[in-house]
């Protein structure tokens, strides 16, 4: 009979919502998220813009904005020009876009992705590659925005996208 000393205890890793993770992608041409609630600011697209997905699907960009991430020791990283692509399979941070637009440089080894100053910003996982280790900050007013949008649709009012499909073009004073 086995005693208590023969039992191995395994503590599971902290739960991370997979939808909140971002993959560091050196081949992507733009940052993108499928999570509207991650934006600290957001501007809806005024024309139809698309991006090719991994399996070759054409995905619509609904708008762009800024996502702010919280790191260890209170560090914050703000990523601008993040595309809102609700049908993308994963959230991406484009290393290519950052290096084209800034002086930032990155290096990779078999476990981590580093910024040029040695700061670790990503960790390698076999299935999902290098994951950004900072977590998105979900703005406090998101629930109010989401509730207003839900209430608007429950009252039978169509969205701006639906109105455009119906042929409505607003005057320059209105944004839909």
C-alpha atoms as a PDB file:
ATOM      1  CA  UNK A   1       0.000   0.000   0.000  1.00  0.00           C
ATOM      2  CA  UNK A   2       1.285   3.423  -0.915  1.00  0.00           C
ATOM      3  CA  UNK A   3       1.656   6.074   1.735  1.00  0.00           C
ATOM      4  CA  UNK A   4       1.287   9.836   1.558  1.00  0.00           C
ATOM      5  CA  UNK A   5       5.003  10.152   0.806  1.00  0.00           C
ATOM      6  CA  UNK A   6       4.494   8.181  -2.438  1.00  0.00           C
ATOM      7  CA  UNK A   7       2.041  10.702  -3.905  1.00  0.00           C
ATOM      8  CA  UNK A   8       3.334  13.325  -6.325  1.00  0.00           C
ATOM      9  CA  UNK A   9       1.498  16.618  -6.338  1.00  0.00           C
ATOM     10  CA  UNK A  10       1.344  18.714  -9.452  1.00  0.00           C
ATOM     11  CA  UNK A  11       0.158  22.296  -9.348  1.00  0.00           C
ATOM     12  CA  UNK A  12      -1.322  23.429 -12.667  1.00  0.00           C
ATOM     13  CA  UNK A  13       0.034  26.614 -14.242  1.00  0.00           C
ATOM     14  CA  UNK A  14      -2.032  29.765 -13.784  1.00  0.00           C
ATOM     15  CA  UNK A  15      -5.020  29.887 -16.094  1.00  0.00           C
ATOM     16  CA  UNK A  16      -4.586  32.264 -19.021  1.00  0.00           C
ATOM     17  CA  UNK A  17      -7.467  32.920 -21.334  1.00  0.00           C
ATOM     18  CA  UNK A  18      -6.124  31.778 -24.705  1.00  0.00           C
ATOM     19  CA  UNK A  19      -8.082  34.491 -26.504  1.00  0.00           C
ATOM     20  CA  UNK A  20      -6.111  37.146 -24.616  1.00  0.00           C
ATOM     21  CA  UNK A  21      -2.668  35.928 -25.721  1.00  0.00           C
ATOM     22  CA  UNK A  22      -0.699  37.490 -28.577  1.00  0.00           C
ATOM     23  CA  UNK A  23       1.750  35.662 -30.828  1.00  0.00           C
ATOM     24  CA  UNK A  24       4.957  37.496 -31.751  1.00  0.00           C
ATOM     25  CA  UNK A  25       5.088  37.069 -35.518  1.00  0.00           C
ATOM     26  CA  UNK A  26       8.163  38.084 -37.517  1.00  0.00           C
ATOM     27  CA  UNK A  27       6.350  37.467 -40.821  1.00  0.00           C
ATOM     28  CA  UNK A  28       3.104  39.383 -40.210  1.00  0.00           C
ATOM     29  CA  UNK A  29       2.672  42.772 -41.861  1.00  0.00           C
ATOM     30  CA  UNK A  30       0.322  44.173 -39.218  1.00  0.00           C
ATOM     31  CA  UNK A  31      -0.688  43.820 -35.595  1.00  0.00           C
ATOM     32  CA  UNK A  32      -4.164  42.346 -35.187  1.00  0.00           C
ATOM     33  CA  UNK A  33      -6.614  41.269 -32.541  1.00  0.00           C
ATOM     34  CA  UNK A  34      -9.955  39.526 -32.513  1.00  0.00           C
ATOM     35  CA  UNK A  35     -10.777  41.085 -29.135  1.00  0.00           C
ATOM     36  CA  UNK A  36     -12.566  44.440 -29.355  1.00  0.00           C
ATOM     37  CA  UNK A  37     -12.397  44.794 -25.581  1.00  0.00           C
ATOM     38  CA  UNK A  38      -8.571  45.064 -25.717  1.00  0.00           C
ATOM     39  CA  UNK A  39      -8.632  48.507 -27.346  1.00  0.00           C
ATOM     40  CA  UNK A  40      -7.928  51.598 -25.269  1.00  0.00           C
ATOM     41  CA  UNK A  41      -8.902  53.676 -28.317  1.00  0.00           C
ATOM     42  CA  UNK A  42     -10.477  52.594 -31.579  1.00  0.00           C
ATOM     43  CA  UNK A  43     -11.468  54.062 -34.939  1.00  0.00           C
ATOM     44  CA  UNK A  44     -13.866  52.182 -37.211  1.00  0.00           C
ATOM     45  CA  UNK A  45     -12.746  51.554 -40.776  1.00  0.00           C
ATOM     46  CA  UNK A  46     -14.294  53.994 -43.254  1.00  0.00           C
ATOM     47  CA  UNK A  47     -13.828  51.685 -46.219  1.00  0.00           C
ATOM     48  CA  UNK A  48     -13.589  47.945 -46.717  1.00  0.00           C
ATOM     49  CA  UNK A  49     -10.105  46.744 -45.839  1.00  0.00           C
ATOM     50  CA  UNK A  50      -9.015  43.118 -45.798  1.00  0.00           C
ATOM     51  CA  UNK A  51      -6.087  40.945 -44.775  1.00  0.00           C
ATOM     52  CA  UNK A  52      -5.164  37.414 -45.820  1.00  0.00           C
ATOM     53  CA  UNK A  53      -5.459  34.863 -43.036  1.00  0.00           C
ATOM     54  CA  UNK A  54      -3.130  31.939 -42.427  1.00  0.00           C
ATOM     55  CA  UNK A  55      -5.128  29.395 -44.473  1.00  0.00           C
ATOM     56  CA  UNK A  56      -5.550  31.970 -47.254  1.00  0.00           C
ATOM     57  CA  UNK A  57      -8.919  33.280 -46.073  1.00  0.00           C
ATOM     58  CA  UNK A  58      -9.671  36.927 -46.744  1.00  0.00           C
ATOM     59  CA  UNK A  59     -10.579  38.575 -43.441  1.00  0.00           C
ATOM     60  CA  UNK A  60     -12.185  41.999 -42.999  1.00  0.00           C
ATOM     61  CA  UNK A  61     -10.482  44.694 -40.926  1.00  0.00           C
ATOM     62  CA  UNK A  62     -13.224  46.475 -38.986  1.00  0.00           C
ATOM     63  CA  UNK A  63     -11.007  49.281 -37.648  1.00  0.00           C
ATOM     64  CA  UNK A  64      -7.761  50.069 -35.856  1.00  0.00           C
ATOM     65  CA  UNK A  65      -6.679  51.294 -32.471  1.00  0.00           C
ATOM     66  CA  UNK A  66      -4.253  51.043 -29.587  1.00  0.00           C
ATOM     67  CA  UNK A  67      -3.841  48.127 -27.189  1.00  0.00           C
ATOM     68  CA  UNK A  68      -1.990  48.720 -23.927  1.00  0.00           C
ATOM     69  CA  UNK A  69      -0.259  45.786 -22.279  1.00  0.00           C
ATOM     70  CA  UNK A  70       0.739  45.283 -18.644  1.00  0.00           C
ATOM     71  CA  UNK A  71       4.048  43.602 -17.931  1.00  0.00           C
ATOM     72  CA  UNK A  72       6.038  42.492 -14.965  1.00  0.00           C
ATOM     73  CA  UNK A  73       7.062  45.129 -12.426  1.00  0.00           C
ATOM     74  CA  UNK A  74       4.436  47.580 -13.685  1.00  0.00           C
ATOM     75  CA  UNK A  75       5.911  47.937 -17.179  1.00  0.00           C
ATOM     76  CA  UNK A  76       3.423  49.018 -19.829  1.00  0.00           C
ATOM     77  CA  UNK A  77       3.750  48.714 -23.565  1.00  0.00           C
ATOM     78  CA  UNK A  78       1.426  50.584 -25.906  1.00  0.00           C
ATOM     79  CA  UNK A  79       0.966  49.094 -29.375  1.00  0.00           C
ATOM     80  CA  UNK A  80      -0.701  51.370 -31.923  1.00  0.00           C
ATOM     81  CA  UNK A  81      -2.174  50.587 -35.344  1.00  0.00           C
ATOM     82  CA  UNK A  82      -3.630  47.287 -34.156  1.00  0.00           C
ATOM     83  CA  UNK A  83      -6.223  46.031 -36.642  1.00  0.00           C
ATOM     84  CA  UNK A  84      -9.522  44.705 -35.313  1.00  0.00           C
ATOM     85  CA  UNK A  85     -10.110  41.469 -37.241  1.00  0.00           C
ATOM     86  CA  UNK A  86     -12.894  39.572 -35.438  1.00  0.00           C
ATOM     87  CA  UNK A  87     -12.504  36.404 -37.526  1.00  0.00           C
ATOM     88  CA  UNK A  88      -8.749  35.967 -37.168  1.00  0.00           C
ATOM     89  CA  UNK A  89      -7.640  32.738 -35.535  1.00  0.00           C
ATOM     90  CA  UNK A  90      -5.157  34.454 -33.218  1.00  0.00           C
ATOM     91  CA  UNK A  91      -3.954  37.822 -31.986  1.00  0.00           C
ATOM     92  CA  UNK A  92      -0.642  38.946 -33.484  1.00  0.00           C
ATOM     93  CA  UNK A  93       2.107  41.430 -32.679  1.00  0.00           C
ATOM     94  CA  UNK A  94       4.052  42.073 -35.882  1.00  0.00           C
ATOM     95  CA  UNK A  95       7.789  42.158 -35.217  1.00  0.00           C
ATOM     96  CA  UNK A  96       8.253  43.217 -38.855  1.00  0.00           C
ATOM     97  CA  UNK A  97       5.976  46.241 -38.410  1.00  0.00           C
ATOM     98  CA  UNK A  98       7.765  47.355 -35.236  1.00  0.00           C
ATOM     99  CA  UNK A  99      11.245  47.082 -36.792  1.00  0.00           C
ATOM    100  CA  UNK A 100      10.140  48.939 -39.935  1.00  0.00           C
ATOM    101  CA  UNK A 101       8.645  51.835 -37.984  1.00  0.00           C
ATOM    102  CA  UNK A 102      11.090  52.163 -35.071  1.00  0.00           C
ATOM    103  CA  UNK A 103      14.718  51.588 -34.153  1.00  0.00           C
ATOM    104  CA  UNK A 104      13.713  48.560 -32.051  1.00  0.00           C
ATOM    105  CA  UNK A 105      15.515  45.292 -32.671  1.00  0.00           C
ATOM    106  CA  UNK A 106      14.668  41.807 -31.433  1.00  0.00           C
ATOM    107  CA  UNK A 107      16.498  38.529 -31.006  1.00  0.00           C
ATOM    108  CA  UNK A 108      15.206  35.013 -30.530  1.00  0.00           C
ATOM    109  CA  UNK A 109      16.694  31.910 -28.956  1.00  0.00           C
ATOM    110  CA  UNK A 110      15.168  28.506 -28.289  1.00  0.00           C
ATOM    111  CA  UNK A 111      13.189  29.796 -25.261  1.00  0.00           C
ATOM    112  CA  UNK A 112      12.663  33.555 -25.449  1.00  0.00           C
ATOM    113  CA  UNK A 113      12.273  36.661 -27.583  1.00  0.00           C
ATOM    114  CA  UNK A 114      14.302  39.662 -26.374  1.00  0.00           C
ATOM    115  CA  UNK A 115      14.279  43.370 -27.097  1.00  0.00           C
ATOM    116  CA  UNK A 116      17.688  44.901 -27.869  1.00  0.00           C
ATOM    117  CA  UNK A 117      18.101  45.985 -24.227  1.00  0.00           C
ATOM    118  CA  UNK A 118      17.764  42.360 -23.077  1.00  0.00           C
ATOM    119  CA  UNK A 119      14.166  42.634 -21.863  1.00  0.00           C
ATOM    120  CA  UNK A 120      12.324  39.350 -22.381  1.00  0.00           C
ATOM    121  CA  UNK A 121       9.038  40.031 -24.176  1.00  0.00           C
ATOM    122  CA  UNK A 122       8.093  36.566 -25.407  1.00  0.00           C
ATOM    123  CA  UNK A 123       8.323  32.932 -24.439  1.00  0.00           C
ATOM    124  CA  UNK A 124       8.446  29.970 -26.821  1.00  0.00           C
ATOM    125  CA  UNK A 125       5.680  27.344 -26.700  1.00  0.00           C
ATOM    126  CA  UNK A 126       5.807  24.397 -29.146  1.00  0.00           C
ATOM    127  CA  UNK A 127       2.222  24.729 -30.394  1.00  0.00           C
ATOM    128  CA  UNK A 128       1.813  28.509 -30.437  1.00  0.00           C
ATOM    129  CA  UNK A 129       5.401  29.658 -31.042  1.00  0.00           C
ATOM    130  CA  UNK A 130       6.599  32.832 -29.264  1.00  0.00           C
ATOM    131  CA  UNK A 131       3.874  34.285 -27.052  1.00  0.00           C
ATOM    132  CA  UNK A 132       3.990  37.920 -25.930  1.00  0.00           C
ATOM    133  CA  UNK A 133       4.316  37.753 -22.140  1.00  0.00           C
ATOM    134  CA  UNK A 134       2.543  41.046 -21.488  1.00  0.00           C
ATOM    135  CA  UNK A 135      -1.228  40.970 -20.838  1.00  0.00           C
ATOM    136  CA  UNK A 136      -3.685  43.355 -22.499  1.00  0.00           C
ATOM    137  CA  UNK A 137      -5.331  45.889 -20.217  1.00  0.00           C
ATOM    138  CA  UNK A 138      -9.079  45.802 -20.707  1.00  0.00           C
ATOM    139  CA  UNK A 139     -10.390  49.362 -20.256  1.00  0.00           C
ATOM    140  CA  UNK A 140     -12.869  49.865 -17.418  1.00  0.00           C
ATOM    141  CA  UNK A 141     -15.414  51.490 -19.724  1.00  0.00           C
ATOM    142  CA  UNK A 142     -15.584  48.466 -22.059  1.00  0.00           C
ATOM    143  CA  UNK A 143     -18.617  46.956 -20.336  1.00  0.00           C
ATOM    144  CA  UNK A 144     -20.490  50.253 -20.684  1.00  0.00           C
ATOM    145  CA  UNK A 145     -19.644  50.435 -24.417  1.00  0.00           C
ATOM    146  CA  UNK A 146     -20.586  46.793 -24.966  1.00  0.00           C
ATOM    147  CA  UNK A 147     -23.864  47.227 -23.077  1.00  0.00           C
ATOM    148  CA  UNK A 148     -24.797  50.303 -25.130  1.00  0.00           C
ATOM    149  CA  UNK A 149     -24.053  48.460 -28.387  1.00  0.00           C
ATOM    150  CA  UNK A 150     -26.093  45.453 -27.239  1.00  0.00           C
ATOM    151  CA  UNK A 151     -28.995  47.685 -26.196  1.00  0.00           C
ATOM    152  CA  UNK A 152     -28.842  49.501 -29.542  1.00  0.00           C
ATOM    153  CA  UNK A 153     -29.141  46.236 -31.476  1.00  0.00           C
ATOM    154  CA  UNK A 154     -31.860  44.894 -29.151  1.00  0.00           C
ATOM    155  CA  UNK A 155     -33.960  47.946 -29.986  1.00  0.00           C
ATOM    156  CA  UNK A 156     -33.847  46.882 -33.641  1.00  0.00           C
ATOM    157  CA  UNK A 157     -31.428  49.532 -34.878  1.00  0.00           C
ATOM    158  CA  UNK A 158     -29.060  48.164 -37.546  1.00  0.00           C
ATOM    159  CA  UNK A 159     -25.318  48.703 -37.309  1.00  0.00           C
ATOM    160  CA  UNK A 160     -23.417  51.079 -39.578  1.00  0.00           C
ATOM    161  CA  UNK A 161     -22.098  48.109 -41.550  1.00  0.00           C
ATOM    162  CA  UNK A 162     -25.648  46.886 -42.222  1.00  0.00           C
ATOM    163  CA  UNK A 163     -26.780  50.391 -43.181  1.00  0.00           C
ATOM    164  CA  UNK A 164     -23.919  50.693 -45.707  1.00  0.00           C
ATOM    165  CA  UNK A 165     -24.890  47.338 -47.232  1.00  0.00           C
ATOM    166  CA  UNK A 166     -28.430  48.681 -47.632  1.00  0.00           C
ATOM    167  CA  UNK A 167     -27.039  51.604 -49.645  1.00  0.00           C
ATOM    168  CA  UNK A 168     -27.229  54.308 -46.971  1.00  0.00           C
ATOM    169  CA  UNK A 169     -24.416  56.846 -47.168  1.00  0.00           C
ATOM    170  CA  UNK A 170     -24.442  59.357 -44.319  1.00  0.00           C
ATOM    171  CA  UNK A 171     -23.548  62.998 -44.675  1.00  0.00           C
ATOM    172  CA  UNK A 172     -20.011  63.963 -43.705  1.00  0.00           C
ATOM    173  CA  UNK A 173     -21.264  64.974 -40.240  1.00  0.00           C
ATOM    174  CA  UNK A 174     -22.069  61.413 -39.176  1.00  0.00           C
ATOM    175  CA  UNK A 175     -19.850  58.409 -38.568  1.00  0.00           C
ATOM    176  CA  UNK A 176     -21.277  54.905 -38.674  1.00  0.00           C
END
